[in-house]
Each structure stands twice: as structure tokens, then as C-alpha cells.
């Protein structure tokens, strides 16, 4: 069975392997294909796709948009869109600007209200030009001994319900879905159980996004139990969308998650990608 991984991050956002290193690992792992889905950026795609050609690994253009919905970060994965489309390149800047504004506000809150020795310049020195996510804030807090584990950052500082969290502004999941469809891609609702929505709330979100062009939802995911996977499969079936799957690999930023296999139990068939591609044509 040909295996794929449709949710992977590199050093261009909050992963710890370069795009070409991901290709080498994918070949070693036995994957046929993977999607590079860095947060709000396609900066790593040229390197990954060039390396993929050399290694015989199919690299799918991908992205993970971070959007705001009722005060929560909702993530939309885009697959196989045209990353050179002028409309896409214009719109992605709005997503990046929203993230920059959010990051500045979080730095201010951590410094002014949390007493953390942090500044924009210190973050730049630590992480350079990568697209900063909350994982970067967690790494900064860990490296500066404010916390003992990365997870503690999300519990005490930067999780959705924490005092220093700032949601994204004016970028909605629907905007992301419409942009992906407009540029020929496949929009997928990422890790739907991480948002802690009720069944009714999640179904409402899926139905709303389906009107915008949503094609899939991640049922196969590293942290899903068998019961979780079954629930998302039923959700997809009853709401008339398809399932997708990905490890959400970040390298050492999520050390328990392996490329392709997640926590050891993921097997994402190439058929899942084929089905998503077929649905896009309709």
C-alpha cells in the first residue's frame, strides 16, 4: 500500500527539519508522497519539490492557514493549489500581516503583563525569518527557563484560554477555504477535535465551510484515538465531505510525532489523496 502524509511542517514555519531534510526522511520512512503545509507560507515549497524530484518523492504544494473563529484558532490545510497564482500571493499577505499583528500583541502581553523578558528583537534573534507560531513562543519560554516542557507553555501562557493568548484578527476559516478553492486546491479542516467544540458547534462549522468549498476533514491524525477517528469519519460521512490525514510532523518540536506514522499507528493510504483529488473536480 502506498502511504502519504498530508500535514507536515518545516523550518519555514515551526518545524525543525528543512524542506529537503523532510524529503530525505520521507524516502527513508517509505512514504510515496507528502504535503508541505507550513503555517501561512509557501516559502519552503521550491526546495522541497526540487529535492522530491531528485529523490523520487512526490511533494504536494500545501499550506496551513491559521484563522480566527469565535475566539479560537481554527486551522485550514490547503493541498495542491497553485502557489504562484497572483490572487493567492496577494491574499496570503493578508494572512501573514494578521499573524504579525497578533505576534506583536502577544509579545507585548507576555512582557508587560507576564513579566517575561521578551521582545520582537529577541524573537528575531532566536527564530529569524521563519513564520512564527505559538510553538515558537513556547520554544522561547522553554529555552529561557520559564517553563519545563513545551506543553506547559500552552497550559499557562499561549493556549486559547490563557491570559497571554491573542486570537488572529479578521481572517476567517471561510476566507481560507475560498482562497484555496479559487486557486485550484483542496481545502481540509485540520485536527477538528483540537478546538474543543461541541458536536453541534463542530457540525455547524463544517456545514458553513462546506458552502465555502470545504472538501475534507482530518480523521487520521496523530493524537486521535480509535474512538476519535471513528467520530470524525462519521462526521465526514453525515456532512457529505471526505476524510484526510496527516501526522502534523514538526520534528523535535513535537518529539513524540513521527513523519508518516504519527505516534506509530498512522497509515494514510494514497487512496485518500486520490479521493480528495476526485472530489475537487466536482
C-alpha atoms as a PDB file:
ATOM      1  CA  UNK A   1       0.000   0.000   0.000  1.00  0.00           C
ATOM      2  CA  UNK A   2       1.324   3.420  -0.985  1.00  0.00           C
ATOM      3  CA  UNK A   3       1.393   5.748   2.017  1.00  0.00           C
ATOM      4  CA  UNK A   4       1.214   9.545   2.247  1.00  0.00           C
ATOM      5  CA  UNK A   5       1.329  12.259   4.889  1.00  0.00           C
ATOM      6  CA  UNK A   6      -0.824  15.306   4.148  1.00  0.00           C
ATOM      7  CA  UNK A   7       0.193  17.549   7.075  1.00  0.00           C
ATOM      8  CA  UNK A   8       3.913  18.267   7.572  1.00  0.00           C
ATOM      9  CA  UNK A   9       5.937  21.297   8.770  1.00  0.00           C
ATOM     10  CA  UNK A  10       9.459  22.512   8.050  1.00  0.00           C
ATOM     11  CA  UNK A  11      11.823  25.161   9.401  1.00  0.00           C
ATOM     12  CA  UNK A  12       9.977  27.696   7.256  1.00  0.00           C
ATOM     13  CA  UNK A  13       7.352  27.742   9.986  1.00  0.00           C
ATOM     14  CA  UNK A  14       7.577  25.789  13.243  1.00  0.00           C
ATOM     15  CA  UNK A  15       9.206  22.520  12.216  1.00  0.00           C
ATOM     16  CA  UNK A  16      12.829  21.649  12.903  1.00  0.00           C
ATOM     17  CA  UNK A  17      13.797  19.947   9.616  1.00  0.00           C
ATOM     18  CA  UNK A  18      14.468  21.833   6.402  1.00  0.00           C
ATOM     19  CA  UNK A  19      12.267  21.083   3.377  1.00  0.00           C
ATOM     20  CA  UNK A  20      14.989  18.953   1.770  1.00  0.00           C
ATOM     21  CA  UNK A  21      15.611  17.088   5.034  1.00  0.00           C
ATOM     22  CA  UNK A  22      11.909  16.240   5.112  1.00  0.00           C
ATOM     23  CA  UNK A  23      12.211  14.714   1.645  1.00  0.00           C
ATOM     24  CA  UNK A  24      15.141  12.562   2.764  1.00  0.00           C
ATOM     25  CA  UNK A  25      13.206  11.433   5.842  1.00  0.00           C
ATOM     26  CA  UNK A  26      10.127  10.685   3.745  1.00  0.00           C
ATOM     27  CA  UNK A  27      12.178   8.433   1.487  1.00  0.00           C
ATOM     28  CA  UNK A  28      13.743   6.694   4.483  1.00  0.00           C
ATOM     29  CA  UNK A  29      10.312   6.257   6.056  1.00  0.00           C
ATOM     30  CA  UNK A  30       8.868   4.729   2.895  1.00  0.00           C
ATOM     31  CA  UNK A  31       6.344   7.418   2.034  1.00  0.00           C
ATOM     32  CA  UNK A  32       5.267   7.853  -1.570  1.00  0.00           C
ATOM     33  CA  UNK A  33       4.217  11.460  -1.084  1.00  0.00           C
ATOM     34  CA  UNK A  34       3.789  14.196   1.483  1.00  0.00           C
ATOM     35  CA  UNK A  35       2.351  17.703   1.606  1.00  0.00           C
ATOM     36  CA  UNK A  36       4.488  20.500   2.998  1.00  0.00           C
ATOM     37  CA  UNK A  37       1.917  22.524   4.952  1.00  0.00           C
ATOM     38  CA  UNK A  38       3.816  25.278   6.724  1.00  0.00           C
ATOM     39  CA  UNK A  39       1.833  27.943   8.559  1.00  0.00           C
ATOM     40  CA  UNK A  40       0.744  30.822   6.309  1.00  0.00           C
ATOM     41  CA  UNK A  41       3.740  30.431   3.979  1.00  0.00           C
ATOM     42  CA  UNK A  42       4.839  28.563   0.858  1.00  0.00           C
ATOM     43  CA  UNK A  43       8.457  29.628   1.231  1.00  0.00           C
ATOM     44  CA  UNK A  44       9.724  26.045   1.563  1.00  0.00           C
ATOM     45  CA  UNK A  45       7.946  24.591  -1.461  1.00  0.00           C
ATOM     46  CA  UNK A  46      10.589  25.197  -4.156  1.00  0.00           C
ATOM     47  CA  UNK A  47      13.316  23.498  -2.089  1.00  0.00           C
ATOM     48  CA  UNK A  48      11.057  20.583  -1.141  1.00  0.00           C
ATOM     49  CA  UNK A  49       9.774  19.997  -4.654  1.00  0.00           C
ATOM     50  CA  UNK A  50      13.246  20.135  -6.170  1.00  0.00           C
ATOM     51  CA  UNK A  51      14.528  17.638  -3.613  1.00  0.00           C
ATOM     52  CA  UNK A  52      11.471  15.478  -4.219  1.00  0.00           C
ATOM     53  CA  UNK A  53      12.254  15.223  -7.927  1.00  0.00           C
ATOM     54  CA  UNK A  54      15.785  14.037  -7.138  1.00  0.00           C
ATOM     55  CA  UNK A  55      14.671  11.505  -4.528  1.00  0.00           C
ATOM     56  CA  UNK A  56      11.566  10.215  -6.304  1.00  0.00           C
ATOM     57  CA  UNK A  57       9.208  11.530  -3.618  1.00  0.00           C
ATOM     58  CA  UNK A  58       6.027  13.308  -4.652  1.00  0.00           C
ATOM     59  CA  UNK A  59       5.838  16.652  -2.807  1.00  0.00           C
ATOM     60  CA  UNK A  60       2.418  18.284  -2.793  1.00  0.00           C
ATOM     61  CA  UNK A  61       2.096  22.061  -2.571  1.00  0.00           C
ATOM     62  CA  UNK A  62       0.483  22.735   0.786  1.00  0.00           C
ATOM     63  CA  UNK A  63      -0.165  25.338   3.450  1.00  0.00           C
ATOM     64  CA  UNK A  64      -1.832  25.540   6.852  1.00  0.00           C
ATOM     65  CA  UNK A  65      -3.820  28.713   7.333  1.00  0.00           C
ATOM     66  CA  UNK A  66      -4.382  29.855  10.906  1.00  0.00           C
ATOM     67  CA  UNK A  67      -7.736  31.609  11.135  1.00  0.00           C
ATOM     68  CA  UNK A  68      -9.993  33.018  13.842  1.00  0.00           C
ATOM     69  CA  UNK A  69     -13.447  31.650  14.647  1.00  0.00           C
ATOM     70  CA  UNK A  70     -15.317  32.683  17.783  1.00  0.00           C
ATOM     71  CA  UNK A  71     -12.070  33.498  19.578  1.00  0.00           C
ATOM     72  CA  UNK A  72     -10.383  30.209  18.647  1.00  0.00           C
ATOM     73  CA  UNK A  73      -7.549  29.422  16.267  1.00  0.00           C
ATOM     74  CA  UNK A  74      -9.042  27.237  13.514  1.00  0.00           C
ATOM     75  CA  UNK A  75      -6.603  25.719  11.032  1.00  0.00           C
ATOM     76  CA  UNK A  76      -7.361  25.057   7.373  1.00  0.00           C
ATOM     77  CA  UNK A  77      -4.944  22.905   5.381  1.00  0.00           C
ATOM     78  CA  UNK A  78      -4.718  23.600   1.658  1.00  0.00           C
ATOM     79  CA  UNK A  79      -3.444  20.954  -0.747  1.00  0.00           C
ATOM     80  CA  UNK A  80      -2.399  21.178  -4.394  1.00  0.00           C
ATOM     81  CA  UNK A  81      -3.340  24.806  -5.038  1.00  0.00           C
ATOM     82  CA  UNK A  82      -1.299  26.968  -7.393  1.00  0.00           C
ATOM     83  CA  UNK A  83       1.274  28.667  -5.141  1.00  0.00           C
ATOM     84  CA  UNK A  84       2.290  31.039  -7.956  1.00  0.00           C
ATOM     85  CA  UNK A  85      -1.230  32.313  -8.598  1.00  0.00           C
ATOM     86  CA  UNK A  86      -1.216  36.144  -8.295  1.00  0.00           C
ATOM     87  CA  UNK A  87      -4.501  36.069  -6.368  1.00  0.00           C
ATOM     88  CA  UNK A  88      -3.012  33.600  -3.901  1.00  0.00           C
ATOM     89  CA  UNK A  89       0.183  35.620  -3.461  1.00  0.00           C
ATOM     90  CA  UNK A  90      -1.813  38.788  -2.803  1.00  0.00           C
ATOM     91  CA  UNK A  91      -4.203  37.179  -0.343  1.00  0.00           C
ATOM     92  CA  UNK A  92      -1.551  35.281   1.589  1.00  0.00           C
ATOM     93  CA  UNK A  93      -0.027  38.607   2.573  1.00  0.00           C
ATOM     94  CA  UNK A  94      -3.238  39.432   4.448  1.00  0.00           C
ATOM     95  CA  UNK A  95      -2.853  36.211   6.458  1.00  0.00           C
ATOM     96  CA  UNK A  96       0.791  36.970   7.156  1.00  0.00           C
ATOM     97  CA  UNK A  97       0.018  40.552   8.208  1.00  0.00           C
ATOM     98  CA  UNK A  98      -2.648  39.280  10.590  1.00  0.00           C
ATOM     99  CA  UNK A  99      -0.141  36.886  12.145  1.00  0.00           C
ATOM    100  CA  UNK A 100       2.475  39.628  12.501  1.00  0.00           C
ATOM    101  CA  UNK A 101      -0.006  41.858  14.302  1.00  0.00           C
ATOM    102  CA  UNK A 102      -1.060  39.015  16.601  1.00  0.00           C
ATOM    103  CA  UNK A 103       2.561  38.162  17.405  1.00  0.00           C
ATOM    104  CA  UNK A 104       3.389  41.748  18.291  1.00  0.00           C
ATOM    105  CA  UNK A 105       0.430  41.910  20.661  1.00  0.00           C
ATOM    106  CA  UNK A 106       1.386  38.602  22.301  1.00  0.00           C
ATOM    107  CA  UNK A 107       4.958  39.786  22.842  1.00  0.00           C
ATOM    108  CA  UNK A 108       3.604  42.934  24.490  1.00  0.00           C
ATOM    109  CA  UNK A 109       1.264  40.977  26.770  1.00  0.00           C
ATOM    110  CA  UNK A 110       3.941  38.466  27.756  1.00  0.00           C
ATOM    111  CA  UNK A 111       6.354  41.292  28.549  1.00  0.00           C
ATOM    112  CA  UNK A 112       4.030  43.864  30.139  1.00  0.00           C
ATOM    113  CA  UNK A 113       1.567  41.590  31.932  1.00  0.00           C
ATOM    114  CA  UNK A 114       3.515  38.376  32.322  1.00  0.00           C
ATOM    115  CA  UNK A 115       6.869  39.795  33.326  1.00  0.00           C
ATOM    116  CA  UNK A 116       8.646  37.788  30.600  1.00  0.00           C
ATOM    117  CA  UNK A 117      11.948  39.109  29.269  1.00  0.00           C
ATOM    118  CA  UNK A 118      10.882  39.034  25.618  1.00  0.00           C
ATOM    119  CA  UNK A 119      10.940  41.459  22.699  1.00  0.00           C
ATOM    120  CA  UNK A 120      10.482  41.407  18.928  1.00  0.00           C
ATOM    121  CA  UNK A 121      14.251  41.683  18.521  1.00  0.00           C
ATOM    122  CA  UNK A 122      14.881  38.741  20.860  1.00  0.00           C
ATOM    123  CA  UNK A 123      12.394  36.587  18.932  1.00  0.00           C
ATOM    124  CA  UNK A 124      14.057  37.587  15.653  1.00  0.00           C
ATOM    125  CA  UNK A 125      17.461  36.652  17.033  1.00  0.00           C
ATOM    126  CA  UNK A 126      16.129  33.263  18.131  1.00  0.00           C
ATOM    127  CA  UNK A 127      13.991  32.332  15.112  1.00  0.00           C
ATOM    128  CA  UNK A 128      14.965  34.581  12.222  1.00  0.00           C
ATOM    129  CA  UNK A 129      12.645  34.853   9.230  1.00  0.00           C
ATOM    130  CA  UNK A 130      10.533  31.748   9.899  1.00  0.00           C
ATOM    131  CA  UNK A 131       6.788  32.313  10.191  1.00  0.00           C
ATOM    132  CA  UNK A 132       6.377  32.437  13.965  1.00  0.00           C
ATOM    133  CA  UNK A 133       3.640  30.380  15.566  1.00  0.00           C
ATOM    134  CA  UNK A 134       2.754  29.745  19.182  1.00  0.00           C
ATOM    135  CA  UNK A 135       5.266  26.894  19.093  1.00  0.00           C
ATOM    136  CA  UNK A 136       7.995  29.500  18.673  1.00  0.00           C
ATOM    137  CA  UNK A 137       6.771  31.320  21.763  1.00  0.00           C
ATOM    138  CA  UNK A 138       6.734  28.000  23.618  1.00  0.00           C
ATOM    139  CA  UNK A 139      10.299  27.249  22.494  1.00  0.00           C
ATOM    140  CA  UNK A 140      11.425  30.719  23.610  1.00  0.00           C
ATOM    141  CA  UNK A 141       9.864  30.243  27.057  1.00  0.00           C
ATOM    142  CA  UNK A 142      11.455  26.800  27.350  1.00  0.00           C
ATOM    143  CA  UNK A 143      14.896  27.974  26.243  1.00  0.00           C
ATOM    144  CA  UNK A 144      14.731  30.850  28.744  1.00  0.00           C
ATOM    145  CA  UNK A 145      13.660  28.550  31.596  1.00  0.00           C
ATOM    146  CA  UNK A 146      10.185  29.970  32.201  1.00  0.00           C
ATOM    147  CA  UNK A 147       8.701  26.510  31.667  1.00  0.00           C
ATOM    148  CA  UNK A 148       9.895  22.916  31.874  1.00  0.00           C
ATOM    149  CA  UNK A 149       8.054  21.491  28.847  1.00  0.00           C
ATOM    150  CA  UNK A 150       6.669  22.865  25.588  1.00  0.00           C
ATOM    151  CA  UNK A 151       3.179  21.760  26.625  1.00  0.00           C
ATOM    152  CA  UNK A 152       3.388  23.898  29.758  1.00  0.00           C
ATOM    153  CA  UNK A 153       3.503  26.989  27.528  1.00  0.00           C
ATOM    154  CA  UNK A 154       0.119  26.094  26.088  1.00  0.00           C
ATOM    155  CA  UNK A 155      -1.272  25.400  29.547  1.00  0.00           C
ATOM    156  CA  UNK A 156      -0.018  28.572  31.224  1.00  0.00           C
ATOM    157  CA  UNK A 157       0.854  31.154  28.591  1.00  0.00           C
ATOM    158  CA  UNK A 158      -0.241  30.816  24.961  1.00  0.00           C
ATOM    159  CA  UNK A 159      -3.118  28.302  24.838  1.00  0.00           C
ATOM    160  CA  UNK A 160      -6.538  29.512  23.657  1.00  0.00           C
ATOM    161  CA  UNK A 161      -7.775  30.150  27.209  1.00  0.00           C
ATOM    162  CA  UNK A 162      -4.525  31.548  28.608  1.00  0.00           C
ATOM    163  CA  UNK A 163      -4.127  35.210  29.666  1.00  0.00           C
ATOM    164  CA  UNK A 164      -1.443  35.998  27.078  1.00  0.00           C
ATOM    165  CA  UNK A 165      -3.139  34.463  24.057  1.00  0.00           C
ATOM    166  CA  UNK A 166      -4.271  36.883  21.350  1.00  0.00           C
ATOM    167  CA  UNK A 167      -6.546  35.499  18.605  1.00  0.00           C
ATOM    168  CA  UNK A 168      -5.985  36.301  14.982  1.00  0.00           C
ATOM    169  CA  UNK A 169      -7.974  39.241  13.648  1.00  0.00           C
ATOM    170  CA  UNK A 170     -10.328  39.432  10.662  1.00  0.00           C
ATOM    171  CA  UNK A 171      -9.116  36.245   8.916  1.00  0.00           C
ATOM    172  CA  UNK A 172     -11.854  33.644   8.876  1.00  0.00           C
ATOM    173  CA  UNK A 173     -11.853  29.918   8.025  1.00  0.00           C
ATOM    174  CA  UNK A 174     -14.231  30.684   5.158  1.00  0.00           C
ATOM    175  CA  UNK A 175     -11.732  33.111   3.635  1.00  0.00           C
ATOM    176  CA  UNK A 176      -9.050  30.419   3.694  1.00  0.00           C
ATOM    177  CA  UNK A 177     -11.323  27.786   2.168  1.00  0.00           C
ATOM    178  CA  UNK A 178     -12.458  30.111  -0.617  1.00  0.00           C
ATOM    179  CA  UNK A 179      -8.884  31.150  -1.430  1.00  0.00           C
ATOM    180  CA  UNK A 180      -7.729  27.532  -1.687  1.00  0.00           C
ATOM    181  CA  UNK A 181     -10.614  26.608  -3.986  1.00  0.00           C
ATOM    182  CA  UNK A 182     -10.135  29.773  -6.071  1.00  0.00           C
ATOM    183  CA  UNK A 183      -6.542  28.738  -6.774  1.00  0.00           C
ATOM    184  CA  UNK A 184      -7.348  25.129  -7.676  1.00  0.00           C
ATOM    185  CA  UNK A 185      -6.679  23.475  -4.329  1.00  0.00           C
ATOM    186  CA  UNK A 186      -8.241  21.104  -1.829  1.00  0.00           C
ATOM    187  CA  UNK A 187      -9.280  22.698   1.499  1.00  0.00           C
ATOM    188  CA  UNK A 188      -9.299  20.477   4.597  1.00  0.00           C
ATOM    189  CA  UNK A 189     -10.356  21.265   8.170  1.00  0.00           C
ATOM    190  CA  UNK A 190      -7.297  20.347  10.246  1.00  0.00           C
ATOM    191  CA  UNK A 191      -7.396  18.391  13.545  1.00  0.00           C
ATOM    192  CA  UNK A 192     -11.078  19.164  14.247  1.00  0.00           C
ATOM    193  CA  UNK A 193     -11.091  17.838  17.815  1.00  0.00           C
ATOM    194  CA  UNK A 194      -8.391  20.229  18.993  1.00  0.00           C
ATOM    195  CA  UNK A 195     -10.829  23.139  19.034  1.00  0.00           C
ATOM    196  CA  UNK A 196     -12.952  21.631  21.826  1.00  0.00           C
ATOM    197  CA  UNK A 197     -16.187  22.465  20.051  1.00  0.00           C
ATOM    198  CA  UNK A 198     -19.378  20.633  20.896  1.00  0.00           C
ATOM    199  CA  UNK A 199     -20.757  18.231  18.310  1.00  0.00           C
ATOM    200  CA  UNK A 200     -23.362  20.802  17.340  1.00  0.00           C
ATOM    201  CA  UNK A 201     -20.769  23.585  17.059  1.00  0.00           C
ATOM    202  CA  UNK A 202     -18.378  21.471  15.004  1.00  0.00           C
ATOM    203  CA  UNK A 203     -21.118  20.360  12.643  1.00  0.00           C
ATOM    204  CA  UNK A 204     -22.231  23.963  12.204  1.00  0.00           C
ATOM    205  CA  UNK A 205     -18.639  24.956  11.341  1.00  0.00           C
ATOM    206  CA  UNK A 206     -18.311  22.093   8.843  1.00  0.00           C
ATOM    207  CA  UNK A 207     -21.649  22.904   7.195  1.00  0.00           C
ATOM    208  CA  UNK A 208     -20.730  26.573   6.922  1.00  0.00           C
ATOM    209  CA  UNK A 209     -17.312  25.794   5.434  1.00  0.00           C
ATOM    210  CA  UNK A 210     -18.790  23.234   3.053  1.00  0.00           C
ATOM    211  CA  UNK A 211     -20.808  26.068   1.495  1.00  0.00           C
ATOM    212  CA  UNK A 212     -17.490  27.873   1.004  1.00  0.00           C
ATOM    213  CA  UNK A 213     -15.991  24.806  -0.723  1.00  0.00           C
ATOM    214  CA  UNK A 214     -14.570  22.628   2.076  1.00  0.00           C
ATOM    215  CA  UNK A 215     -13.707  19.173   0.705  1.00  0.00           C
ATOM    216  CA  UNK A 216     -12.188  17.249   3.619  1.00  0.00           C
ATOM    217  CA  UNK A 217     -11.566  16.923   7.342  1.00  0.00           C
ATOM    218  CA  UNK A 218      -8.636  15.259   9.114  1.00  0.00           C
ATOM    219  CA  UNK A 219      -9.855  11.976  10.537  1.00  0.00           C
ATOM    220  CA  UNK A 220      -6.464  10.260  10.523  1.00  0.00           C
ATOM    221  CA  UNK A 221      -4.340  12.326  12.900  1.00  0.00           C
ATOM    222  CA  UNK A 222      -1.517  11.643  15.320  1.00  0.00           C
ATOM    223  CA  UNK A 223      -3.399  12.345  18.554  1.00  0.00           C
ATOM    224  CA  UNK A 224      -6.672  10.690  17.564  1.00  0.00           C
ATOM    225  CA  UNK A 225      -7.758   7.606  19.416  1.00  0.00           C
ATOM    226  CA  UNK A 226      -9.700   4.940  17.569  1.00  0.00           C
ATOM    227  CA  UNK A 227     -12.874   6.477  19.011  1.00  0.00           C
ATOM    228  CA  UNK A 228     -11.817   9.943  17.811  1.00  0.00           C
ATOM    229  CA  UNK A 229     -11.135   8.660  14.318  1.00  0.00           C
ATOM    230  CA  UNK A 230     -14.478   6.876  14.179  1.00  0.00           C
ATOM    231  CA  UNK A 231     -16.268  10.042  15.277  1.00  0.00           C
ATOM    232  CA  UNK A 232     -14.613  12.201  12.607  1.00  0.00           C
ATOM    233  CA  UNK A 233     -15.260   9.563   9.958  1.00  0.00           C
ATOM    234  CA  UNK A 234     -18.962   9.613  10.881  1.00  0.00           C
ATOM    235  CA  UNK A 235     -18.941  13.406  10.879  1.00  0.00           C
ATOM    236  CA  UNK A 236     -17.463  13.441   7.376  1.00  0.00           C
ATOM    237  CA  UNK A 237     -19.915  10.859   6.118  1.00  0.00           C
ATOM    238  CA  UNK A 238     -23.028  12.542   7.537  1.00  0.00           C
ATOM    239  CA  UNK A 239     -21.964  16.027   6.431  1.00  0.00           C
ATOM    240  CA  UNK A 240     -21.002  14.913   2.929  1.00  0.00           C
ATOM    241  CA  UNK A 241     -17.278  15.604   2.928  1.00  0.00           C
ATOM    242  CA  UNK A 242     -14.227  13.343   2.659  1.00  0.00           C
ATOM    243  CA  UNK A 243     -11.574  12.336   5.170  1.00  0.00           C
ATOM    244  CA  UNK A 244      -7.949  13.404   5.041  1.00  0.00           C
ATOM    245  CA  UNK A 245      -4.990  12.536   7.214  1.00  0.00           C
ATOM    246  CA  UNK A 246      -1.645  13.778   8.387  1.00  0.00           C
ATOM    247  CA  UNK A 247       0.854  13.403  11.186  1.00  0.00           C
ATOM    248  CA  UNK A 248       1.312  17.151  11.822  1.00  0.00           C
ATOM    249  CA  UNK A 249       5.035  16.396  11.983  1.00  0.00           C
ATOM    250  CA  UNK A 250       7.186  19.171  13.489  1.00  0.00           C
ATOM    251  CA  UNK A 251      10.456  17.354  14.175  1.00  0.00           C
ATOM    252  CA  UNK A 252      11.846  17.888  17.668  1.00  0.00           C
ATOM    253  CA  UNK A 253       9.164  20.488  18.444  1.00  0.00           C
ATOM    254  CA  UNK A 254       6.768  17.537  18.706  1.00  0.00           C
ATOM    255  CA  UNK A 255       9.193  14.719  19.525  1.00  0.00           C
ATOM    256  CA  UNK A 256       6.515  12.063  20.019  1.00  0.00           C
ATOM    257  CA  UNK A 257       5.224  12.523  16.440  1.00  0.00           C
ATOM    258  CA  UNK A 258       6.967  10.695  13.583  1.00  0.00           C
ATOM    259  CA  UNK A 259       6.670  11.566   9.911  1.00  0.00           C
ATOM    260  CA  UNK A 260       4.037   9.411   8.246  1.00  0.00           C
ATOM    261  CA  UNK A 261       3.219   7.266  11.257  1.00  0.00           C
ATOM    262  CA  UNK A 262       2.420   9.865  13.933  1.00  0.00           C
ATOM    263  CA  UNK A 263       2.603   8.094  17.272  1.00  0.00           C
ATOM    264  CA  UNK A 264       3.187   4.826  15.468  1.00  0.00           C
ATOM    265  CA  UNK A 265      -0.333   3.954  14.393  1.00  0.00           C
ATOM    266  CA  UNK A 266      -0.985   6.164  11.346  1.00  0.00           C
ATOM    267  CA  UNK A 267      -1.336   4.612   7.900  1.00  0.00           C
ATOM    268  CA  UNK A 268      -2.644   7.115   5.402  1.00  0.00           C
ATOM    269  CA  UNK A 269      -3.340   5.420   2.100  1.00  0.00           C
ATOM    270  CA  UNK A 270      -2.634   7.151  -1.200  1.00  0.00           C
ATOM    271  CA  UNK A 271      -6.280   6.361  -1.996  1.00  0.00           C
ATOM    272  CA  UNK A 272      -7.300   9.106   0.442  1.00  0.00           C
ATOM    273  CA  UNK A 273      -5.400  11.635  -1.657  1.00  0.00           C
ATOM    274  CA  UNK A 274      -6.900  10.208  -4.848  1.00  0.00           C
ATOM    275  CA  UNK A 275     -10.418  10.584  -3.424  1.00  0.00           C
ATOM    276  CA  UNK A 276      -9.759  14.195  -2.431  1.00  0.00           C
ATOM    277  CA  UNK A 277      -8.481  14.927  -5.927  1.00  0.00           C
ATOM    278  CA  UNK A 278     -11.596  13.399  -7.494  1.00  0.00           C
ATOM    279  CA  UNK A 279     -13.884  15.426  -5.234  1.00  0.00           C
ATOM    280  CA  UNK A 280     -12.138  18.627  -6.303  1.00  0.00           C
ATOM    281  CA  UNK A 281     -13.285  18.025  -9.888  1.00  0.00           C
ATOM    282  CA  UNK A 282     -16.968  18.042  -8.954  1.00  0.00           C
END
